[in-house]
Amino acid sequence: MDGAARTEHHTVELAQNRTKRPHDTHSIHTMVTELGLLYLGGMTVLFFFWAYGIVSFVLDVKNKFIPKGRQYLRGRRQLKEEQQREQERKEREEQLY
């Protein structure tokens, strides 16, 4: 076959395939749709676990870490105040003697 005949033969094959295509590809479209639905379902499940993780982290920060941080800062302030009072008491004692 020369180039022109090969191109013509290929064109005829494509035309024949186009006439067959709607009947043959129905199962492929169904499979892609099922696969797409499975993918979307899986992504939805993963999204809920992801969102649950974020909400859980935010609640942990709010209910655990922030109160612990406040308690730590309160303790440091109390230590500084106690040290300051102790320093003032020592200065007064030294002034008295």
N, C-alpha and C. Protein backbone atom coordinates (compact mmCIF):
# COMPACT_ATOMS: atom_id res chain seq x y z
N MET A 1 0.84 -1.17 0.00
CA MET A 1 0.00 0.00 0.00
C MET A 1 0.89 1.24 0.00
N ASP A 2 0.53 2.18 -0.85
CA ASP A 2 1.28 3.42 -0.84
C ASP A 2 0.65 4.37 0.17
N GLY A 3 1.23 5.56 0.34
CA GLY A 3 0.80 6.50 1.36
C GLY A 3 -0.65 6.93 1.22
N ALA A 4 -1.09 7.21 -0.02
CA ALA A 4 -2.45 7.69 -0.23
C ALA A 4 -3.46 6.59 0.09
N ALA A 5 -3.14 5.36 -0.32
CA ALA A 5 -4.05 4.25 -0.06
C ALA A 5 -4.11 3.96 1.44
N ARG A 6 -2.97 4.04 2.11
CA ARG A 6 -2.93 3.80 3.55
C ARG A 6 -3.77 4.84 4.30
N THR A 7 -3.67 6.11 3.89
CA THR A 7 -4.45 7.17 4.53
C THR A 7 -5.94 6.96 4.29
N GLU A 8 -6.30 6.56 3.06
CA GLU A 8 -7.70 6.32 2.73
C GLU A 8 -8.23 5.13 3.54
N HIS A 9 -7.43 4.07 3.65
CA HIS A 9 -7.82 2.89 4.42
C HIS A 9 -8.01 3.27 5.90
N HIS A 10 -7.11 4.08 6.42
CA HIS A 10 -7.19 4.52 7.82
C HIS A 10 -8.45 5.37 8.03
N THR A 11 -8.77 6.23 7.07
CA THR A 11 -9.97 7.07 7.16
C THR A 11 -11.22 6.21 7.17
N VAL A 12 -11.24 5.15 6.33
CA VAL A 12 -12.40 4.25 6.29
C VAL A 12 -12.53 3.51 7.62
N GLU A 13 -11.41 3.07 8.20
CA GLU A 13 -11.45 2.40 9.50
C GLU A 13 -11.99 3.32 10.58
N LEU A 14 -11.55 4.57 10.60
CA LEU A 14 -12.04 5.52 11.59
C LEU A 14 -13.54 5.73 11.44
N ALA A 15 -14.02 5.84 10.21
CA ALA A 15 -15.44 6.04 9.96
C ALA A 15 -16.23 4.82 10.45
N GLN A 16 -15.71 3.61 10.22
CA GLN A 16 -16.39 2.41 10.69
C GLN A 16 -16.38 2.36 12.22
N ASN A 17 -15.28 2.75 12.82
CA ASN A 17 -15.19 2.74 14.28
C ASN A 17 -16.16 3.74 14.90
N ARG A 18 -16.36 4.86 14.23
CA ARG A 18 -17.30 5.87 14.76
C ARG A 18 -18.71 5.32 14.78
N THR A 19 -19.06 4.53 13.79
CA THR A 19 -20.41 3.98 13.76
C THR A 19 -20.58 2.91 14.84
N LYS A 20 -19.51 2.21 15.21
CA LYS A 20 -19.58 1.19 16.24
C LYS A 20 -19.48 1.79 17.65
N ARG A 21 -18.84 2.91 17.75
CA ARG A 21 -18.43 3.46 19.05
C ARG A 21 -19.58 3.62 20.06
N PRO A 22 -20.75 4.20 19.75
CA PRO A 22 -21.77 4.40 20.77
C PRO A 22 -22.19 3.10 21.45
N HIS A 23 -22.23 2.00 20.72
CA HIS A 23 -22.65 0.73 21.32
C HIS A 23 -21.53 0.12 22.16
N ASP A 24 -20.30 0.25 21.70
CA ASP A 24 -19.18 -0.40 22.38
C ASP A 24 -18.73 0.34 23.62
N THR A 25 -18.86 1.64 23.66
CA THR A 25 -18.28 2.41 24.76
C THR A 25 -19.23 2.60 25.93
N HIS A 26 -20.45 2.09 25.83
CA HIS A 26 -21.39 2.26 26.94
C HIS A 26 -20.84 1.63 28.22
N SER A 27 -20.27 0.46 28.13
CA SER A 27 -19.73 -0.18 29.32
C SER A 27 -18.53 0.59 29.86
N ILE A 28 -17.75 1.22 28.99
CA ILE A 28 -16.61 2.00 29.45
C ILE A 28 -17.10 3.23 30.19
N HIS A 29 -18.12 3.91 29.67
CA HIS A 29 -18.66 5.08 30.35
C HIS A 29 -19.24 4.70 31.71
N THR A 30 -19.91 3.56 31.78
CA THR A 30 -20.46 3.11 33.05
C THR A 30 -19.34 2.82 34.03
N MET A 31 -18.26 2.21 33.57
CA MET A 31 -17.15 1.89 34.45
C MET A 31 -16.48 3.18 34.95
N VAL A 32 -16.31 4.14 34.06
CA VAL A 32 -15.71 5.40 34.46
C VAL A 32 -16.62 6.10 35.47
N THR A 33 -17.90 6.05 35.26
CA THR A 33 -18.84 6.67 36.18
C THR A 33 -18.78 5.99 37.54
N GLU A 34 -18.75 4.66 37.56
CA GLU A 34 -18.65 3.94 38.83
C GLU A 34 -17.33 4.25 39.51
N LEU A 35 -16.26 4.30 38.73
CA LEU A 35 -14.96 4.64 39.29
C LEU A 35 -14.96 6.07 39.81
N GLY A 36 -15.59 6.97 39.07
CA GLY A 36 -15.71 8.35 39.52
C GLY A 36 -16.50 8.47 40.80
N LEU A 37 -17.61 7.72 40.88
CA LEU A 37 -18.41 7.74 42.11
C LEU A 37 -17.62 7.17 43.28
N LEU A 38 -16.89 6.11 43.05
CA LEU A 38 -16.05 5.52 44.10
C LEU A 38 -15.00 6.53 44.55
N TYR A 39 -14.40 7.20 43.59
CA TYR A 39 -13.39 8.22 43.91
C TYR A 39 -14.01 9.34 44.74
N LEU A 40 -15.16 9.86 44.29
CA LEU A 40 -15.82 10.94 45.03
C LEU A 40 -16.23 10.49 46.42
N GLY A 41 -16.72 9.26 46.54
CA GLY A 41 -17.09 8.74 47.86
C GLY A 41 -15.88 8.63 48.77
N GLY A 42 -14.79 8.13 48.23
CA GLY A 42 -13.56 8.01 49.02
C GLY A 42 -13.03 9.37 49.44
N MET A 43 -13.06 10.32 48.53
CA MET A 43 -12.59 11.66 48.88
C MET A 43 -13.49 12.31 49.92
N THR A 44 -14.79 12.04 49.85
CA THR A 44 -15.71 12.58 50.85
C THR A 44 -15.40 12.01 52.22
N VAL A 45 -15.17 10.71 52.30
CA VAL A 45 -14.82 10.08 53.58
C VAL A 45 -13.51 10.68 54.11
N LEU A 46 -12.52 10.78 53.25
CA LEU A 46 -11.25 11.35 53.68
C LEU A 46 -11.41 12.81 54.11
N PHE A 47 -12.29 13.56 53.43
CA PHE A 47 -12.53 14.95 53.81
C PHE A 47 -13.08 15.02 55.23
N PHE A 48 -14.02 14.12 55.57
CA PHE A 48 -14.60 14.17 56.91
C PHE A 48 -13.55 13.84 57.97
N PHE A 49 -12.67 12.88 57.71
CA PHE A 49 -11.60 12.60 58.67
C PHE A 49 -10.66 13.79 58.79
N TRP A 50 -10.37 14.45 57.69
CA TRP A 50 -9.51 15.63 57.68
C TRP A 50 -10.15 16.76 58.49
N ALA A 51 -11.45 17.01 58.24
CA ALA A 51 -12.16 18.06 58.96
C ALA A 51 -12.25 17.71 60.44
N TYR A 52 -12.50 16.45 60.77
CA TYR A 52 -12.56 16.02 62.16
C TYR A 52 -11.22 16.28 62.85
N GLY A 53 -10.14 16.00 62.17
CA GLY A 53 -8.81 16.23 62.73
C GLY A 53 -8.57 17.71 63.01
N ILE A 54 -8.97 18.57 62.10
CA ILE A 54 -8.79 20.00 62.31
C ILE A 54 -9.63 20.48 63.48
N VAL A 55 -10.91 20.07 63.53
CA VAL A 55 -11.79 20.48 64.64
C VAL A 55 -11.24 19.96 65.96
N SER A 56 -10.78 18.71 65.97
CA SER A 56 -10.23 18.13 67.18
C SER A 56 -8.99 18.91 67.64
N PHE A 57 -8.13 19.28 66.71
CA PHE A 57 -6.94 20.05 67.06
C PHE A 57 -7.31 21.40 67.64
N VAL A 58 -8.27 22.09 67.02
CA VAL A 58 -8.69 23.41 67.51
C VAL A 58 -9.27 23.29 68.91
N LEU A 59 -10.09 22.28 69.14
CA LEU A 59 -10.68 22.10 70.47
C LEU A 59 -9.62 21.73 71.50
N ASP A 60 -8.63 20.93 71.12
CA ASP A 60 -7.53 20.61 72.03
C ASP A 60 -6.76 21.87 72.41
N VAL A 61 -6.48 22.69 71.42
CA VAL A 61 -5.75 23.94 71.70
C VAL A 61 -6.58 24.80 72.65
N LYS A 62 -7.86 24.92 72.36
CA LYS A 62 -8.73 25.78 73.17
C LYS A 62 -8.90 25.24 74.59
N ASN A 63 -9.07 23.95 74.74
CA ASN A 63 -9.41 23.38 76.04
C ASN A 63 -8.23 22.86 76.85
N LYS A 64 -7.09 22.63 76.20
CA LYS A 64 -5.93 22.09 76.92
C LYS A 64 -4.76 23.05 76.94
N PHE A 65 -4.31 23.44 75.76
CA PHE A 65 -3.07 24.19 75.67
C PHE A 65 -3.21 25.63 76.15
N ILE A 66 -4.29 26.28 75.79
CA ILE A 66 -4.48 27.67 76.23
C ILE A 66 -4.60 27.76 77.75
N PRO A 67 -5.42 26.90 78.41
CA PRO A 67 -5.46 26.96 79.88
C PRO A 67 -4.11 26.65 80.52
N LYS A 68 -3.37 25.68 79.97
CA LYS A 68 -2.04 25.37 80.52
C LYS A 68 -1.10 26.56 80.35
N GLY A 69 -1.18 27.23 79.21
CA GLY A 69 -0.34 28.41 78.99
C GLY A 69 -0.69 29.54 79.94
N ARG A 70 -1.98 29.74 80.17
CA ARG A 70 -2.40 30.77 81.13
C ARG A 70 -1.92 30.44 82.54
N GLN A 71 -2.05 29.15 82.90
CA GLN A 71 -1.61 28.73 84.22
C GLN A 71 -0.10 28.96 84.38
N TYR A 72 0.67 28.64 83.34
CA TYR A 72 2.11 28.85 83.36
C TYR A 72 2.45 30.33 83.53
N LEU A 73 1.78 31.19 82.76
CA LEU A 73 2.04 32.63 82.86
C LEU A 73 1.64 33.18 84.22
N ARG A 74 0.52 32.69 84.76
CA ARG A 74 0.08 33.12 86.08
C ARG A 74 1.11 32.73 87.13
N GLY A 75 1.65 31.52 87.03
CA GLY A 75 2.68 31.05 87.95
C GLY A 75 3.95 31.89 87.86
N ARG A 76 4.34 32.24 86.65
CA ARG A 76 5.55 33.09 86.49
C ARG A 76 5.33 34.47 87.09
N ARG A 77 4.14 35.04 86.87
CA ARG A 77 3.84 36.35 87.45
C ARG A 77 3.88 36.29 88.98
N GLN A 78 3.33 35.22 89.55
CA GLN A 78 3.34 35.09 91.01
C GLN A 78 4.76 34.97 91.54
N LEU A 79 5.61 34.19 90.82
CA LEU A 79 7.01 34.07 91.25
C LEU A 79 7.72 35.43 91.20
N LYS A 80 7.49 36.20 90.14
CA LYS A 80 8.11 37.53 90.03
C LYS A 80 7.63 38.44 91.16
N GLU A 81 6.32 38.40 91.44
CA GLU A 81 5.79 39.23 92.52
C GLU A 81 6.39 38.84 93.87
N GLU A 82 6.50 37.53 94.09
CA GLU A 82 7.10 37.05 95.35
C GLU A 82 8.55 37.48 95.46
N GLN A 83 9.30 37.36 94.37
CA GLN A 83 10.70 37.79 94.38
C GLN A 83 10.80 39.29 94.63
N GLN A 84 9.91 40.05 94.02
CA GLN A 84 9.92 41.50 94.20
C GLN A 84 9.60 41.86 95.66
N ARG A 85 8.59 41.20 96.25
CA ARG A 85 8.26 41.45 97.65
C ARG A 85 9.42 41.07 98.57
N GLU A 86 10.04 39.93 98.24
CA GLU A 86 11.19 39.49 99.06
C GLU A 86 12.33 40.50 98.96
N GLN A 87 12.58 41.02 97.77
CA GLN A 87 13.63 42.02 97.56
C GLN A 87 13.32 43.29 98.35
N GLU A 88 12.06 43.73 98.28
CA GLU A 88 11.66 44.93 99.02
C GLU A 88 11.80 44.72 100.53
N ARG A 89 11.43 43.53 101.02
CA ARG A 89 11.56 43.22 102.44
C ARG A 89 13.01 43.25 102.87
N LYS A 90 13.90 42.69 102.03
CA LYS A 90 15.33 42.69 102.35
C LYS A 90 15.86 44.12 102.37
N GLU A 91 15.44 44.95 101.42
CA GLU A 91 15.89 46.34 101.38
C GLU A 91 15.43 47.09 102.63
N ARG A 92 14.20 46.87 103.09
CA ARG A 92 13.70 47.52 104.29
C ARG A 92 14.48 47.07 105.52
N GLU A 93 14.78 45.76 105.57
CA GLU A 93 15.56 45.23 106.70
C GLU A 93 16.95 45.87 106.73
N GLU A 94 17.57 46.01 105.55
CA GLU A 94 18.91 46.61 105.49
C GLU A 94 18.85 48.08 105.89
N GLN A 95 17.78 48.75 105.55
CA GLN A 95 17.66 50.18 105.91
C GLN A 95 17.47 50.32 107.42
N LEU A 96 16.80 49.34 108.03
CA LEU A 96 16.57 49.41 109.47
C LEU A 96 17.87 49.17 110.25
N TYR A 97 18.78 48.41 109.74
CA TYR A 97 20.02 48.11 110.48
C TYR A 97 21.12 49.03 110.15
